[in-house]
Amino acid sequence: MTTLPVLYLIATAAGPTHHIDDGIQAAQADGWDVHLVLTPTAARWWKPRMAELEKVTGHPVVWEYRVPGQDVRGASSLPKADAIVMAPITTTSACKWAAGITDTVALGIPAEAVHMGVPVAVMPFWNEVLYAQPAVRQAVSLLEEQGVRVVFGPGEPHPPKSGRDKFFPWRLAFDAVRAA
């Protein structure tokens, strides 16, 4: 029996997360065993259809830290990751992570993993006006200094109100962690 490499696909509350099932299927087609982690806001978006995500991955979706006595949906239910892709990542999540704020499981996992030698790639989905903020550019630099591969897809950052979330190029991020 061949065991597939484990990929944590972590998604924040950006437009392409509405199509995270496409990202999961693309990762699976690339030969990954995908475990999905969502930010709390992204989990609220998918709450009515969470069972669909669990069916397509074959695993529980994680969106909160496990607390004593809680069921296994917390981060402790995840197997060891061979790689992590955080896509899409918002400017908020990038800035929080770069500042060391890991108040969600979606930020805590990659913030630790990158310093434990796990390949981590992030793929932003944000507009050029937000990217013009000095704190956002600094966050990108700080993440890269830690060894995070920051991959901008074609046309990113995009002009305001023009992001093409349905056509998010998921495979670019998967290629970045494979190259590690």
Protein backbone atom coordinates (compact mmCIF):
# COMPACT_ATOMS: atom_id res chain seq x y z
CA MET A 1 0.00 0.00 0.00
CA THR A 2 1.36 3.39 -1.02
CA THR A 3 0.78 6.25 1.36
CA LEU A 4 0.20 9.65 -0.19
CA PRO A 5 2.09 12.65 1.17
CA VAL A 6 -0.01 14.74 3.57
CA LEU A 7 -0.86 18.29 2.57
CA TYR A 8 -2.60 20.74 4.87
CA LEU A 9 -4.59 23.10 2.68
CA ILE A 10 -5.34 26.14 4.81
CA ALA A 11 -7.83 28.70 3.52
CA THR A 12 -8.71 32.13 4.81
CA ALA A 13 -11.82 34.19 4.09
CA ALA A 14 -10.96 35.35 0.58
CA GLY A 15 -13.03 34.90 -2.56
CA PRO A 16 -11.38 31.69 -3.84
CA THR A 17 -12.35 29.94 -0.61
CA HIS A 18 -15.86 29.77 -2.05
CA HIS A 19 -14.26 27.31 -4.50
CA ILE A 20 -11.99 25.45 -2.06
CA ASP A 21 -13.42 22.18 -3.31
CA ASP A 22 -11.68 22.95 -6.64
CA GLY A 23 -8.43 23.47 -4.72
CA ILE A 24 -8.86 20.19 -2.86
CA GLN A 25 -9.49 18.29 -6.08
CA ALA A 26 -6.48 19.91 -7.76
CA ALA A 27 -4.25 18.88 -4.83
CA GLN A 28 -5.63 15.36 -4.89
CA ALA A 29 -4.95 15.18 -8.64
CA ASP A 30 -1.36 16.15 -7.82
CA GLY A 31 -1.12 13.16 -5.48
CA TRP A 32 -1.72 14.70 -2.06
CA ASP A 33 -3.76 13.40 0.88
CA VAL A 34 -5.50 16.71 1.64
CA HIS A 35 -6.46 17.82 5.13
CA LEU A 36 -8.42 21.07 5.12
CA VAL A 37 -7.99 23.77 7.75
CA LEU A 38 -10.15 26.91 7.63
CA THR A 39 -10.13 30.20 9.45
CA PRO A 40 -13.23 30.70 11.60
CA THR A 41 -14.76 33.09 9.05
CA ALA A 42 -14.11 30.71 6.14
CA ALA A 43 -15.67 27.91 8.20
CA ARG A 44 -18.81 30.03 8.65
CA TRP A 45 -19.02 30.43 4.87
CA TRP A 46 -18.93 26.66 4.42
CA LYS A 47 -20.90 25.65 7.51
CA PRO A 48 -24.08 24.67 5.62
CA ARG A 49 -21.98 22.54 3.24
CA MET A 50 -19.17 21.36 5.54
CA ALA A 51 -20.15 17.71 4.97
CA GLU A 52 -19.31 18.18 1.27
CA LEU A 53 -15.76 19.21 2.13
CA GLU A 54 -15.38 16.31 4.52
CA LYS A 55 -16.62 13.93 1.86
CA VAL A 56 -14.22 15.21 -0.80
CA THR A 57 -11.18 15.10 1.54
CA GLY A 58 -12.24 12.02 3.47
CA HIS A 59 -11.24 13.82 6.69
CA PRO A 60 -12.79 16.17 9.24
CA VAL A 61 -12.33 19.86 8.47
CA VAL A 62 -10.40 21.69 11.20
CA TRP A 63 -11.16 25.32 12.05
CA GLU A 64 -10.50 25.71 15.74
CA TYR A 65 -7.94 24.75 18.34
CA ARG A 66 -8.79 21.60 20.28
CA VAL A 67 -9.58 22.17 23.92
CA PRO A 68 -9.60 19.49 26.63
CA GLY A 69 -12.71 17.33 26.35
CA GLN A 70 -13.50 18.49 22.80
CA ASP A 71 -14.10 16.08 19.93
CA VAL A 72 -11.33 15.30 17.46
CA ARG A 73 -12.01 18.18 15.07
CA GLY A 74 -9.23 20.20 16.64
CA ALA A 75 -5.70 20.40 15.26
CA SER A 76 -4.61 17.34 17.23
CA SER A 77 -6.68 15.20 14.85
CA LEU A 78 -4.32 16.02 11.98
CA PRO A 79 -1.54 13.67 10.88
CA LYS A 80 1.97 15.06 10.45
CA ALA A 81 2.13 17.32 7.37
CA ASP A 82 4.61 16.78 4.57
CA ALA A 83 3.76 20.25 3.24
CA ILE A 84 1.41 23.16 3.88
CA VAL A 85 -0.30 25.45 1.41
CA MET A 86 -2.17 28.47 2.71
CA ALA A 87 -4.31 29.56 -0.18
CA PRO A 88 -5.92 31.89 -0.50
CA ILE A 89 -4.36 34.07 2.16
CA THR A 90 -5.80 37.49 2.98
CA THR A 91 -3.78 40.58 3.89
CA THR A 92 -5.20 40.30 7.42
CA SER A 93 -3.89 36.77 7.88
CA ALA A 94 -0.51 37.59 6.33
CA CYS A 95 -0.05 40.60 8.62
CA LYS A 96 -1.17 38.73 11.73
CA TRP A 97 1.14 35.79 11.01
CA ALA A 98 4.11 38.07 10.28
CA ALA A 99 3.46 39.85 13.59
CA GLY A 100 3.43 36.52 15.44
CA ILE A 101 -0.30 36.60 16.14
CA THR A 102 -1.54 33.01 15.97
CA ASP A 103 -5.01 33.36 17.43
CA THR A 104 -6.51 30.81 15.04
CA VAL A 105 -5.47 27.25 14.26
CA ALA A 106 -5.17 28.33 10.61
CA LEU A 107 -2.36 30.71 11.59
CA GLY A 108 -0.80 28.71 14.41
CA ILE A 109 -0.14 25.57 12.39
CA PRO A 110 1.91 27.13 9.56
CA ALA A 111 3.65 29.59 11.90
CA GLU A 112 5.11 26.65 13.82
CA ALA A 113 5.58 24.31 10.86
CA VAL A 114 7.82 26.59 8.83
CA HIS A 115 10.31 26.61 11.74
CA MET A 116 10.13 22.82 11.99
CA GLY A 117 11.27 22.30 8.41
CA VAL A 118 7.88 21.71 6.81
CA PRO A 119 7.66 23.35 3.37
CA VAL A 120 5.06 26.13 3.51
CA ALA A 121 3.72 28.17 0.60
CA VAL A 122 1.13 30.92 0.65
CA MET A 123 -0.79 32.31 -2.28
CA PRO A 124 -2.29 35.75 -1.78
CA PHE A 125 -5.62 36.86 -3.14
CA TRP A 126 -5.78 40.56 -2.50
CA ASN A 127 -6.13 43.79 -4.35
CA GLU A 128 -3.33 46.18 -5.26
CA VAL A 129 -4.68 48.91 -2.97
CA LEU A 130 -4.29 46.66 0.08
CA TYR A 131 -0.89 45.51 -1.18
CA ALA A 132 0.18 49.17 -1.32
CA GLN A 133 -0.05 49.29 2.47
CA PRO A 134 3.50 49.26 3.89
CA ALA A 135 2.49 46.75 6.59
CA VAL A 136 1.34 44.25 3.95
CA ARG A 137 4.58 44.50 1.98
CA GLN A 138 6.54 44.17 5.21
CA ALA A 139 4.50 41.08 6.14
CA VAL A 140 5.37 39.45 2.81
CA SER A 141 9.06 40.17 3.41
CA LEU A 142 8.93 38.82 6.97
CA LEU A 143 7.20 35.62 5.86
CA GLU A 144 9.77 35.11 3.10
CA GLU A 145 12.61 35.66 5.59
CA GLN A 146 11.19 32.78 7.63
CA GLY A 147 11.29 30.48 4.61
CA VAL A 148 7.66 30.77 3.52
CA ARG A 149 7.28 30.64 -0.24
CA VAL A 150 5.01 33.51 -1.26
CA VAL A 151 3.49 32.79 -4.67
CA PHE A 152 1.53 35.47 -6.50
CA GLY A 153 -0.68 34.08 -9.25
CA PRO A 154 -1.07 35.81 -12.60
CA GLY A 155 -2.77 39.18 -12.20
CA GLU A 156 -2.16 39.30 -8.44
CA PRO A 157 -2.48 41.58 -6.71
CA HIS A 158 -5.56 42.49 -8.71
CA PRO A 159 -7.28 45.86 -9.13
CA PRO A 160 -10.03 46.49 -6.54
CA LYS A 161 -13.32 44.65 -7.15
CA SER A 162 -11.82 42.66 -10.02
CA GLY A 163 -10.48 39.47 -8.44
CA ARG A 164 -11.29 36.34 -10.42
CA ASP A 165 -11.82 33.95 -7.54
CA LYS A 166 -13.29 31.11 -9.62
CA PHE A 167 -10.06 30.92 -11.63
CA PHE A 168 -7.64 30.86 -8.70
CA PRO A 169 -4.48 29.01 -9.86
CA TRP A 170 -4.26 26.48 -7.00
CA ARG A 171 -1.56 24.37 -8.62
CA LEU A 172 1.02 27.16 -8.46
CA ALA A 173 1.10 26.86 -4.68
CA PHE A 174 1.21 23.05 -4.80
CA ASP A 175 4.14 23.27 -7.23
CA ALA A 176 5.95 25.62 -4.84
CA VAL A 177 5.85 23.16 -1.93
CA ARG A 178 6.73 20.21 -4.19
CA ALA A 179 9.81 22.14 -5.36
CA ALA A 180 10.95 22.43 -1.76
